[in-house]
All heavy atoms as atom14 arrays in JSON, in Angstrom:
{
  "sequence": "TNKSAAKPGVVKKKGTKPKMTAKEKRERGLEIERILAALPLEFRGDDP",
  "atom14_mask": [
    [1, 1, 1, 1, 1, 1, 1, 0, 0, 0, 0, 0, 0, 0],
    [1, 1, 1, 1, 1, 1, 1, 1, 0, 0, 0, 0, 0, 0],
    [1, 1, 1, 1, 1, 1, 1, 1, 1, 0, 0, 0, 0, 0],
    [1, 1, 1, 1, 1, 1, 0, 0, 0, 0, 0, 0, 0, 0],
    [1, 1, 1, 1, 1, 0, 0, 0, 0, 0, 0, 0, 0, 0],
    [1, 1, 1, 1, 1, 0, 0, 0, 0, 0, 0, 0, 0, 0],
    [1, 1, 1, 1, 1, 1, 1, 1, 1, 0, 0, 0, 0, 0],
    [1, 1, 1, 1, 1, 1, 1, 0, 0, 0, 0, 0, 0, 0],
    [1, 1, 1, 1, 0, 0, 0, 0, 0, 0, 0, 0, 0, 0],
    [1, 1, 1, 1, 1, 1, 1, 0, 0, 0, 0, 0, 0, 0],
    [1, 1, 1, 1, 1, 1, 1, 0, 0, 0, 0, 0, 0, 0],
    [1, 1, 1, 1, 1, 1, 1, 1, 1, 0, 0, 0, 0, 0],
    [1, 1, 1, 1, 1, 1, 1, 1, 1, 0, 0, 0, 0, 0],
    [1, 1, 1, 1, 1, 1, 1, 1, 1, 0, 0, 0, 0, 0],
    [1, 1, 1, 1, 0, 0, 0, 0, 0, 0, 0, 0, 0, 0],
    [1, 1, 1, 1, 1, 1, 1, 0, 0, 0, 0, 0, 0, 0],
    [1, 1, 1, 1, 1, 1, 1, 1, 1, 0, 0, 0, 0, 0],
    [1, 1, 1, 1, 1, 1, 1, 0, 0, 0, 0, 0, 0, 0],
    [1, 1, 1, 1, 1, 1, 1, 1, 1, 0, 0, 0, 0, 0],
    [1, 1, 1, 1, 1, 1, 1, 1, 0, 0, 0, 0, 0, 0],
    [1, 1, 1, 1, 1, 1, 1, 0, 0, 0, 0, 0, 0, 0],
    [1, 1, 1, 1, 1, 0, 0, 0, 0, 0, 0, 0, 0, 0],
    [1, 1, 1, 1, 1, 1, 1, 1, 1, 0, 0, 0, 0, 0],
    [1, 1, 1, 1, 1, 1, 1, 1, 1, 0, 0, 0, 0, 0],
    [1, 1, 1, 1, 1, 1, 1, 1, 1, 0, 0, 0, 0, 0],
    [1, 1, 1, 1, 1, 1, 1, 1, 1, 1, 1, 0, 0, 0],
    [1, 1, 1, 1, 1, 1, 1, 1, 1, 0, 0, 0, 0, 0],
    [1, 1, 1, 1, 1, 1, 1, 1, 1, 1, 1, 0, 0, 0],
    [1, 1, 1, 1, 0, 0, 0, 0, 0, 0, 0, 0, 0, 0],
    [1, 1, 1, 1, 1, 1, 1, 1, 0, 0, 0, 0, 0, 0],
    [1, 1, 1, 1, 1, 1, 1, 1, 1, 0, 0, 0, 0, 0],
    [1, 1, 1, 1, 1, 1, 1, 1, 0, 0, 0, 0, 0, 0],
    [1, 1, 1, 1, 1, 1, 1, 1, 1, 0, 0, 0, 0, 0],
    [1, 1, 1, 1, 1, 1, 1, 1, 1, 1, 1, 0, 0, 0],
    [1, 1, 1, 1, 1, 1, 1, 1, 0, 0, 0, 0, 0, 0],
    [1, 1, 1, 1, 1, 1, 1, 1, 0, 0, 0, 0, 0, 0],
    [1, 1, 1, 1, 1, 0, 0, 0, 0, 0, 0, 0, 0, 0],
    [1, 1, 1, 1, 1, 0, 0, 0, 0, 0, 0, 0, 0, 0],
    [1, 1, 1, 1, 1, 1, 1, 1, 0, 0, 0, 0, 0, 0],
    [1, 1, 1, 1, 1, 1, 1, 0, 0, 0, 0, 0, 0, 0],
    [1, 1, 1, 1, 1, 1, 1, 1, 0, 0, 0, 0, 0, 0],
    [1, 1, 1, 1, 1, 1, 1, 1, 1, 0, 0, 0, 0, 0],
    [1, 1, 1, 1, 1, 1, 1, 1, 1, 1, 1, 0, 0, 0],
    [1, 1, 1, 1, 1, 1, 1, 1, 1, 1, 1, 0, 0, 0],
    [1, 1, 1, 1, 0, 0, 0, 0, 0, 0, 0, 0, 0, 0],
    [1, 1, 1, 1, 1, 1, 1, 1, 0, 0, 0, 0, 0, 0],
    [1, 1, 1, 1, 1, 1, 1, 1, 0, 0, 0, 0, 0, 0],
    [1, 1, 1, 1, 1, 1, 1, 0, 0, 0, 0, 0, 0, 0]
  ],
  "atom14_positions": [
    [[18.31, 1.6, -36.87], [17.5, 1.9, -35.68], [18.26, 1.45, -34.45], [18.92, 0.41, -34.45], [16.17, 1.15, -35.74], [16.42, -0.24, -35.84], [15.34, 1.61, -36.94], [0.0, 0.0, 0.0], [0.0, 0.0, 0.0], [0.0, 0.0, 0.0], [0.0, 0.0, 0.0], [0.0, 0.0, 0.0], [0.0, 0.0, 0.0], [0.0, 0.0, 0.0]],
    [[18.16, 2.25, -33.37], [18.86, 1.95, -32.12], [17.8, 1.74, -31.02], [17.5, 2.64, -30.25], [19.8, 3.1, -31.77], [20.67, 2.73, -30.56], [20.69, 1.61, -30.14], [21.39, 3.74, -30.05], [0.0, 0.0, 0.0], [0.0, 0.0, 0.0], [0.0, 0.0, 0.0], [0.0, 0.0, 0.0], [0.0, 0.0, 0.0], [0.0, 0.0, 0.0]],
    [[17.22, 0.54, -31.09], [16.18, 0.26, -30.11], [16.83, -0.16, -28.8], [17.75, -0.96, -28.77], [15.28, -0.86, -30.61], [14.52, -0.49, -31.87], [13.6, -1.63, -32.29], [12.85, -1.27, -33.56], [11.97, -2.36, -34.0], [0.0, 0.0, 0.0], [0.0, 0.0, 0.0], [0.0, 0.0, 0.0], [0.0, 0.0, 0.0], [0.0, 0.0, 0.0]],
    [[16.31, 0.36, -27.74], [16.86, 0.03, -26.41], [16.31, -1.32, -25.98], [15.1, -1.5, -25.91], [16.48, 1.11, -25.38], [15.09, 1.2, -25.28], [0.0, 0.0, 0.0], [0.0, 0.0, 0.0], [0.0, 0.0, 0.0], [0.0, 0.0, 0.0], [0.0, 0.0, 0.0], [0.0, 0.0, 0.0], [0.0, 0.0, 0.0], [0.0, 0.0, 0.0]],
    [[17.18, -2.27, -25.72], [16.79, -3.61, -25.27], [17.14, -3.76, -23.8], [17.99, -3.05, -23.27], [17.5, -4.67, -26.1], [0.0, 0.0, 0.0], [0.0, 0.0, 0.0], [0.0, 0.0, 0.0], [0.0, 0.0, 0.0], [0.0, 0.0, 0.0], [0.0, 0.0, 0.0], [0.0, 0.0, 0.0], [0.0, 0.0, 0.0], [0.0, 0.0, 0.0]],
    [[16.49, -4.74, -23.18], [16.76, -4.97, -21.76], [18.14, -5.58, -21.62], [18.48, -6.55, -22.28], [15.73, -5.92, -21.18], [0.0, 0.0, 0.0], [0.0, 0.0, 0.0], [0.0, 0.0, 0.0], [0.0, 0.0, 0.0], [0.0, 0.0, 0.0], [0.0, 0.0, 0.0], [0.0, 0.0, 0.0], [0.0, 0.0, 0.0], [0.0, 0.0, 0.0]],
    [[18.96, -4.99, -20.77], [20.32, -5.45, -20.58], [20.32, -6.63, -19.62], [19.76, -6.54, -18.53], [21.19, -4.33, -20.03], [21.26, -3.14, -20.97], [22.1, -2.04, -20.37], [22.18, -0.85, -21.3], [22.99, 0.24, -20.71], [0.0, 0.0, 0.0], [0.0, 0.0, 0.0], [0.0, 0.0, 0.0], [0.0, 0.0, 0.0], [0.0, 0.0, 0.0]],
    [[20.97, -7.72, -20.02], [20.98, -8.87, -19.12], [21.82, -8.58, -17.88], [22.87, -7.96, -17.96], [21.6, -9.99, -19.96], [22.4, -9.29, -21.0], [21.69, -8.01, -21.28], [0.0, 0.0, 0.0], [0.0, 0.0, 0.0], [0.0, 0.0, 0.0], [0.0, 0.0, 0.0], [0.0, 0.0, 0.0], [0.0, 0.0, 0.0], [0.0, 0.0, 0.0]],
    [[21.36, -9.08, -16.75], [22.09, -8.89, -15.5], [21.73, -7.63, -14.76], [22.15, -7.45, -13.62], [0.0, 0.0, 0.0], [0.0, 0.0, 0.0], [0.0, 0.0, 0.0], [0.0, 0.0, 0.0], [0.0, 0.0, 0.0], [0.0, 0.0, 0.0], [0.0, 0.0, 0.0], [0.0, 0.0, 0.0], [0.0, 0.0, 0.0], [0.0, 0.0, 0.0]],
    [[20.98, -6.73, -15.37], [20.58, -5.49, -14.71], [19.25, -5.71, -14.01], [18.27, -6.06, -14.66], [20.48, -4.33, -15.71], [20.03, -3.06, -15.02], [21.84, -4.12, -16.37], [0.0, 0.0, 0.0], [0.0, 0.0, 0.0], [0.0, 0.0, 0.0], [0.0, 0.0, 0.0], [0.0, 0.0, 0.0], [0.0, 0.0, 0.0], [0.0, 0.0, 0.0]],
    [[19.21, -5.53, -12.71], [17.99, -5.72, -11.94], [17.2, -4.43, -11.93], [17.72, -3.38, -11.57], [18.33, -6.15, -10.49], [17.05, -6.36, -9.69], [19.17, -7.41, -10.51], [0.0, 0.0, 0.0], [0.0, 0.0, 0.0], [0.0, 0.0, 0.0], [0.0, 0.0, 0.0], [0.0, 0.0, 0.0], [0.0, 0.0, 0.0], [0.0, 0.0, 0.0]],
    [[15.97, -4.53, -12.36], [15.11, -3.35, -12.38], [14.69, -2.98, -10.97], [14.34, -3.85, -10.18], [13.86, -3.6, -13.23], [14.18, -3.8, -14.69], [12.9, -3.98, -15.48], [13.19, -4.18, -16.95], [11.93, -4.35, -17.73], [0.0, 0.0, 0.0], [0.0, 0.0, 0.0], [0.0, 0.0, 0.0], [0.0, 0.0, 0.0], [0.0, 0.0, 0.0]],
    [[14.74, -1.72, -10.66], [14.31, -1.26, -9.35], [12.79, -1.23, -9.28], [12.12, -0.84, -10.23], [14.87, 0.14, -9.07], [16.37, 0.16, -8.93], [16.85, 1.57, -8.56], [18.35, 1.6, -8.38], [18.83, 2.95, -8.04], [0.0, 0.0, 0.0], [0.0, 0.0, 0.0], [0.0, 0.0, 0.0], [0.0, 0.0, 0.0], [0.0, 0.0, 0.0]],
    [[12.29, -1.66, -8.14], [10.84, -1.66, -7.96], [10.34, -0.24, -7.81], [10.91, 0.55, -7.06], [10.48, -2.48, -6.7], [9.01, -2.73, -6.56], [8.76, -3.61, -5.36], [7.29, -3.9, -5.23], [7.01, -4.77, -4.06], [0.0, 0.0, 0.0], [0.0, 0.0, 0.0], [0.0, 0.0, 0.0], [0.0, 0.0, 0.0], [0.0, 0.0, 0.0]],
    [[9.29, 0.05, -8.51], [8.75, 1.4, -8.46], [8.2, 1.75, -7.09], [7.72, 0.9, -6.37], [0.0, 0.0, 0.0], [0.0, 0.0, 0.0], [0.0, 0.0, 0.0], [0.0, 0.0, 0.0], [0.0, 0.0, 0.0], [0.0, 0.0, 0.0], [0.0, 0.0, 0.0], [0.0, 0.0, 0.0], [0.0, 0.0, 0.0], [0.0, 0.0, 0.0]],
    [[8.31, 3.0, -6.73], [7.8, 3.45, -5.44], [6.27, 3.41, -5.44], [5.63, 3.55, -6.48], [8.29, 4.87, -5.13], [7.84, 5.73, -6.18], [9.81, 4.91, -5.04], [0.0, 0.0, 0.0], [0.0, 0.0, 0.0], [0.0, 0.0, 0.0], [0.0, 0.0, 0.0], [0.0, 0.0, 0.0], [0.0, 0.0, 0.0], [0.0, 0.0, 0.0]],
    [[5.72, 3.23, -4.27], [4.27, 3.15, -4.15], [3.65, 4.51, -4.47], [4.08, 5.52, -3.91], [3.9, 2.72, -2.72], [2.43, 2.5, -2.53], [2.15, 1.94, -1.16], [2.5, 2.94, -0.09], [2.08, 2.46, 1.26], [0.0, 0.0, 0.0], [0.0, 0.0, 0.0], [0.0, 0.0, 0.0], [0.0, 0.0, 0.0], [0.0, 0.0, 0.0]],
    [[2.69, 4.56, -5.36], [2.11, 5.86, -5.71], [1.42, 6.5, -4.51], [0.89, 5.82, -3.64], [1.09, 5.51, -6.81], [0.78, 4.06, -6.59], [2.02, 3.44, -6.05], [0.0, 0.0, 0.0], [0.0, 0.0, 0.0], [0.0, 0.0, 0.0], [0.0, 0.0, 0.0], [0.0, 0.0, 0.0], [0.0, 0.0, 0.0], [0.0, 0.0, 0.0]],
    [[1.45, 7.81, -4.49], [0.82, 8.53, -3.39], [-0.69, 8.4, -3.47], [-1.28, 8.4, -4.55], [1.2, 10.01, -3.45], [2.31, 10.37, -2.49], [2.48, 11.88, -2.42], [3.48, 12.21, -1.33], [3.66, 13.68, -1.21], [0.0, 0.0, 0.0], [0.0, 0.0, 0.0], [0.0, 0.0, 0.0], [0.0, 0.0, 0.0], [0.0, 0.0, 0.0]],
    [[-1.3, 8.28, -2.31], [-2.75, 8.16, -2.25], [-3.37, 9.54, -2.1], [-2.84, 10.4, -1.4], [-3.17, 7.27, -1.06], [-2.63, 5.87, -1.13], [-3.04, 4.9, 0.34], [-4.82, 4.87, 0.2], [0.0, 0.0, 0.0], [0.0, 0.0, 0.0], [0.0, 0.0, 0.0], [0.0, 0.0, 0.0], [0.0, 0.0, 0.0], [0.0, 0.0, 0.0]],
    [[-4.52, 9.71, -2.75], [-5.24, 10.97, -2.6], [-5.96, 11.01, -1.26], [-6.01, 10.02, -0.52], [-6.25, 11.12, -3.74], [-7.21, 10.06, -3.66], [-5.56, 11.06, -5.09], [0.0, 0.0, 0.0], [0.0, 0.0, 0.0], [0.0, 0.0, 0.0], [0.0, 0.0, 0.0], [0.0, 0.0, 0.0], [0.0, 0.0, 0.0], [0.0, 0.0, 0.0]],
    [[-6.51, 12.18, -0.95], [-7.22, 12.32, 0.32], [-8.44, 11.41, 0.38], [-8.74, 10.8, 1.42], [-7.64, 13.78, 0.53], [0.0, 0.0, 0.0], [0.0, 0.0, 0.0], [0.0, 0.0, 0.0], [0.0, 0.0, 0.0], [0.0, 0.0, 0.0], [0.0, 0.0, 0.0], [0.0, 0.0, 0.0], [0.0, 0.0, 0.0], [0.0, 0.0, 0.0]],
    [[-9.11, 11.24, -0.76], [-10.28, 10.36, -0.8], [-9.87, 8.92, -0.58], [-10.52, 8.16, 0.16], [-10.99, 10.53, -2.14], [-12.25, 9.67, -2.28], [-12.91, 9.88, -3.62], [-14.16, 8.99, -3.76], [-14.79, 9.18, -5.09], [0.0, 0.0, 0.0], [0.0, 0.0, 0.0], [0.0, 0.0, 0.0], [0.0, 0.0, 0.0], [0.0, 0.0, 0.0]],
    [[-8.77, 8.51, -1.26], [-8.3, 7.14, -1.09], [-7.85, 6.86, 0.34], [-8.1, 5.79, 0.89], [-7.16, 6.87, -2.07], [-7.61, 6.83, -3.52], [-6.44, 6.69, -4.47], [-5.28, 6.92, -4.03], [-6.65, 6.36, -5.64], [0.0, 0.0, 0.0], [0.0, 0.0, 0.0], [0.0, 0.0, 0.0], [0.0, 0.0, 0.0], [0.0, 0.0, 0.0]],
    [[-7.2, 7.85, 0.95], [-6.79, 7.67, 2.34], [-8.01, 7.52, 3.26], [-8.01, 6.71, 4.18], [-5.95, 8.86, 2.79], [-4.56, 8.9, 2.17], [-3.78, 10.1, 2.69], [-2.37, 10.13, 2.09], [-1.61, 11.31, 2.57], [0.0, 0.0, 0.0], [0.0, 0.0, 0.0], [0.0, 0.0, 0.0], [0.0, 0.0, 0.0], [0.0, 0.0, 0.0]],
    [[-9.05, 8.33, 2.98], [-10.25, 8.24, 3.79], [-10.93, 6.88, 3.62], [-11.36, 6.25, 4.59], [-11.22, 9.37, 3.43], [-12.45, 9.45, 4.32], [-13.22, 10.74, 4.11], [-13.69, 10.88, 2.74], [-13.15, 11.72, 1.84], [-12.13, 12.48, 2.18], [-13.62, 11.79, 0.61], [0.0, 0.0, 0.0], [0.0, 0.0, 0.0], [0.0, 0.0, 0.0]],
    [[-11.01, 6.41, 2.38], [-11.61, 5.09, 2.14], [-10.78, 3.98, 2.77], [-11.32, 3.02, 3.32], [-11.76, 4.86, 0.63], [-12.79, 5.78, -0.02], [-12.86, 5.59, -1.52], [-11.98, 4.85, -2.06], [-13.74, 6.16, -2.18], [0.0, 0.0, 0.0], [0.0, 0.0, 0.0], [0.0, 0.0, 0.0], [0.0, 0.0, 0.0], [0.0, 0.0, 0.0]],
    [[-9.46, 4.12, 2.68], [-8.59, 3.11, 3.29], [-8.78, 3.09, 4.82], [-8.84, 2.02, 5.44], [-7.13, 3.42, 2.95], [-6.1, 2.52, 3.67], [-6.13, 1.11, 3.22], [-5.83, 0.96, 1.81], [-4.58, 0.89, 1.32], [-3.53, 0.95, 2.13], [-4.39, 0.73, 0.03], [0.0, 0.0, 0.0], [0.0, 0.0, 0.0], [0.0, 0.0, 0.0]],
    [[-8.89, 4.26, 5.42], [-9.12, 4.34, 6.86], [-10.44, 3.71, 7.28], [-10.52, 2.99, 8.28], [0.0, 0.0, 0.0], [0.0, 0.0, 0.0], [0.0, 0.0, 0.0], [0.0, 0.0, 0.0], [0.0, 0.0, 0.0], [0.0, 0.0, 0.0], [0.0, 0.0, 0.0], [0.0, 0.0, 0.0], [0.0, 0.0, 0.0], [0.0, 0.0, 0.0]],
    [[-11.5, 3.97, 6.48], [-12.8, 3.36, 6.8], [-12.76, 1.84, 6.66], [-13.35, 1.11, 7.46], [-13.88, 3.94, 5.87], [-14.21, 5.43, 6.07], [-15.2, 5.91, 5.02], [-14.77, 5.67, 7.47], [0.0, 0.0, 0.0], [0.0, 0.0, 0.0], [0.0, 0.0, 0.0], [0.0, 0.0, 0.0], [0.0, 0.0, 0.0], [0.0, 0.0, 0.0]],
    [[-12.05, 1.36, 5.63], [-11.96, -0.09, 5.44], [-11.19, -0.75, 6.59], [-11.59, -1.81, 7.09], [-11.26, -0.39, 4.11], [-11.23, -1.87, 3.77], [-10.64, -2.13, 2.39], [-10.26, -1.13, 1.72], [-10.57, -3.31, 1.99], [0.0, 0.0, 0.0], [0.0, 0.0, 0.0], [0.0, 0.0, 0.0], [0.0, 0.0, 0.0], [0.0, 0.0, 0.0]],
    [[-10.11, -0.1, 7.04], [-9.35, -0.64, 8.17], [-10.19, -0.63, 9.43], [-10.14, -1.56, 10.25], [-8.04, 0.15, 8.35], [-7.1, -0.11, 7.15], [-7.34, -0.23, 9.64], [-5.82, 0.69, 7.2], [0.0, 0.0, 0.0], [0.0, 0.0, 0.0], [0.0, 0.0, 0.0], [0.0, 0.0, 0.0], [0.0, 0.0, 0.0], [0.0, 0.0, 0.0]],
    [[-11.0, 0.41, 9.63], [-11.87, 0.47, 10.81], [-12.89, -0.67, 10.8], [-13.18, -1.26, 11.84], [-12.58, 1.82, 10.87], [-11.71, 3.0, 11.29], [-11.2, 2.85, 12.71], [-11.88, 2.2, 13.52], [-10.12, 3.36, 13.0], [0.0, 0.0, 0.0], [0.0, 0.0, 0.0], [0.0, 0.0, 0.0], [0.0, 0.0, 0.0], [0.0, 0.0, 0.0]],
    [[-13.46, -0.97, 9.62], [-14.41, -2.08, 9.53], [-13.73, -3.4, 9.85], [-14.32, -4.28, 10.5], [-15.03, -2.13, 8.13], [-16.04, -1.03, 7.87], [-16.87, -1.35, 6.64], [-16.07, -1.5, 5.45], [-15.78, -0.51, 4.61], [-16.25, 0.7, 4.85], [-15.04, -0.74, 3.54], [0.0, 0.0, 0.0], [0.0, 0.0, 0.0], [0.0, 0.0, 0.0]],
    [[-12.48, -3.56, 9.41], [-11.76, -4.8, 9.7], [-11.44, -4.9, 11.19], [-11.62, -5.95, 11.82], [-10.48, -4.87, 8.86], [-10.83, -4.94, 7.36], [-9.62, -6.05, 9.26], [-9.65, -4.8, 6.44], [0.0, 0.0, 0.0], [0.0, 0.0, 0.0], [0.0, 0.0, 0.0], [0.0, 0.0, 0.0], [0.0, 0.0, 0.0], [0.0, 0.0, 0.0]],
    [[-11.01, -3.78, 11.79], [-10.67, -3.8, 13.21], [-11.91, -4.04, 14.07], [-11.81, -4.59, 15.17], [-10.01, -2.48, 13.61], [-8.61, -2.23, 13.02], [-8.11, -0.87, 13.44], [-7.64, -3.31, 13.48], [0.0, 0.0, 0.0], [0.0, 0.0, 0.0], [0.0, 0.0, 0.0], [0.0, 0.0, 0.0], [0.0, 0.0, 0.0], [0.0, 0.0, 0.0]],
    [[-13.08, -3.61, 13.59], [-14.3, -3.83, 14.38], [-14.63, -5.31, 14.52], [-15.35, -5.69, 15.44], [-15.47, -3.08, 13.73], [0.0, 0.0, 0.0], [0.0, 0.0, 0.0], [0.0, 0.0, 0.0], [0.0, 0.0, 0.0], [0.0, 0.0, 0.0], [0.0, 0.0, 0.0], [0.0, 0.0, 0.0], [0.0, 0.0, 0.0], [0.0, 0.0, 0.0]],
    [[-14.12, -6.14, 13.61], [-14.38, -7.58, 13.7], [-13.33, -8.32, 14.52], [-13.46, -9.52, 14.72], [-14.44, -8.18, 12.28], [0.0, 0.0, 0.0], [0.0, 0.0, 0.0], [0.0, 0.0, 0.0], [0.0, 0.0, 0.0], [0.0, 0.0, 0.0], [0.0, 0.0, 0.0], [0.0, 0.0, 0.0], [0.0, 0.0, 0.0], [0.0, 0.0, 0.0]],
    [[-12.31, -7.61, 15.0], [-11.24, -8.25, 15.77], [-11.51, -8.12, 17.26], [-12.38, -7.36, 17.68], [-9.9, -7.6, 15.41], [-9.47, -7.76, 13.94], [-8.16, -7.03, 13.7], [-9.34, -9.23, 13.56], [0.0, 0.0, 0.0], [0.0, 0.0, 0.0], [0.0, 0.0, 0.0], [0.0, 0.0, 0.0], [0.0, 0.0, 0.0], [0.0, 0.0, 0.0]],
    [[-10.77, -8.85, 18.1], [-10.95, -8.72, 19.56], [-10.67, -7.31, 20.05], [-10.08, -6.48, 19.35], [-9.95, -9.74, 20.12], [-9.78, -10.74, 19.03], [-9.9, -9.97, 17.75], [0.0, 0.0, 0.0], [0.0, 0.0, 0.0], [0.0, 0.0, 0.0], [0.0, 0.0, 0.0], [0.0, 0.0, 0.0], [0.0, 0.0, 0.0], [0.0, 0.0, 0.0]],
    [[-11.08, -7.05, 21.3], [-11.0, -5.7, 21.87], [-9.57, -5.2, 21.96], [-9.33, -4.0, 21.81], [-11.66, -5.7, 23.24], [-11.72, -4.34, 23.98], [-12.51, -3.34, 23.17], [-12.31, -4.51, 25.35], [0.0, 0.0, 0.0], [0.0, 0.0, 0.0], [0.0, 0.0, 0.0], [0.0, 0.0, 0.0], [0.0, 0.0, 0.0], [0.0, 0.0, 0.0]],
    [[-8.61, -6.08, 22.2], [-7.23, -5.62, 22.39], [-6.66, -5.0, 21.11], [-5.73, -4.19, 21.18], [-6.35, -6.78, 22.82], [-6.37, -7.96, 21.86], [-5.48, -9.09, 22.33], [-4.59, -8.82, 23.17], [-5.67, -10.23, 21.87], [0.0, 0.0, 0.0], [0.0, 0.0, 0.0], [0.0, 0.0, 0.0], [0.0, 0.0, 0.0], [0.0, 0.0, 0.0]],
    [[-7.21, -5.34, 19.94], [-6.75, -4.76, 18.69], [-7.51, -3.49, 18.33], [-7.16, -2.84, 17.35], [-6.9, -5.77, 17.55], [-6.03, -6.98, 17.69], [-6.52, -8.13, 18.27], [-4.72, -6.96, 17.27], [-5.73, -9.26, 18.41], [-3.92, -8.08, 17.39], [-4.42, -9.23, 17.98], [0.0, 0.0, 0.0], [0.0, 0.0, 0.0], [0.0, 0.0, 0.0]],
    [[-8.56, -3.14, 19.06], [-9.41, -2.0, 18.7], [-9.17, -0.77, 19.57], [-10.04, 0.05, 19.71], [-10.88, -2.4, 18.8], [-11.32, -3.36, 17.72], [-12.78, -3.71, 17.86], [-13.01, -4.69, 18.9], [-14.18, -4.9, 19.48], [-15.21, -4.18, 19.13], [-14.31, -5.81, 20.41], [0.0, 0.0, 0.0], [0.0, 0.0, 0.0], [0.0, 0.0, 0.0]],
    [[-8.0, -0.67, 20.18], [-7.7, 0.53, 20.94], [-7.32, 0.27, 22.37], [-6.87, 1.18, 23.07], [0.0, 0.0, 0.0], [0.0, 0.0, 0.0], [0.0, 0.0, 0.0], [0.0, 0.0, 0.0], [0.0, 0.0, 0.0], [0.0, 0.0, 0.0], [0.0, 0.0, 0.0], [0.0, 0.0, 0.0], [0.0, 0.0, 0.0], [0.0, 0.0, 0.0]],
    [[-7.51, -0.97, 22.85], [-7.11, -1.27, 24.21], [-5.6, -1.13, 24.35], [-5.09, -0.69, 25.38], [-7.56, -2.7, 24.55], [-7.43, -3.0, 26.03], [-7.29, -2.03, 26.8], [-7.48, -4.18, 26.43], [0.0, 0.0, 0.0], [0.0, 0.0, 0.0], [0.0, 0.0, 0.0], [0.0, 0.0, 0.0], [0.0, 0.0, 0.0], [0.0, 0.0, 0.0]],
    [[-4.86, -1.53, 23.31], [-3.41, -1.37, 23.28], [-3.07, -0.59, 22.01], [-3.15, -1.13, 20.91], [-2.73, -2.74, 23.28], [-1.22, -2.62, 23.42], [-0.71, -1.48, 23.42], [-0.55, -3.67, 23.55], [0.0, 0.0, 0.0], [0.0, 0.0, 0.0], [0.0, 0.0, 0.0], [0.0, 0.0, 0.0], [0.0, 0.0, 0.0], [0.0, 0.0, 0.0]],
    [[-2.72, 0.7, 22.11], [-2.46, 1.49, 20.9], [-1.33, 0.92, 20.05], [-1.38, 0.97, 18.82], [-2.12, 2.88, 21.45], [-2.7, 2.92, 22.83], [-2.62, 1.51, 23.32], [0.0, 0.0, 0.0], [0.0, 0.0, 0.0], [0.0, 0.0, 0.0], [0.0, 0.0, 0.0], [0.0, 0.0, 0.0], [0.0, 0.0, 0.0], [0.0, 0.0, 0.0]]
  ]
}
């Protein structure tokens, strides 16, 4: 049997961030809006 083993000294590359669906993006946007609503005015659109 030729089982593939982890080679010492080889650094594994970090996987790319999976793409978000439209629903996930919408939920993420709503969550960020709720967080920004609790912050001072300068973070809520006074300074883009």
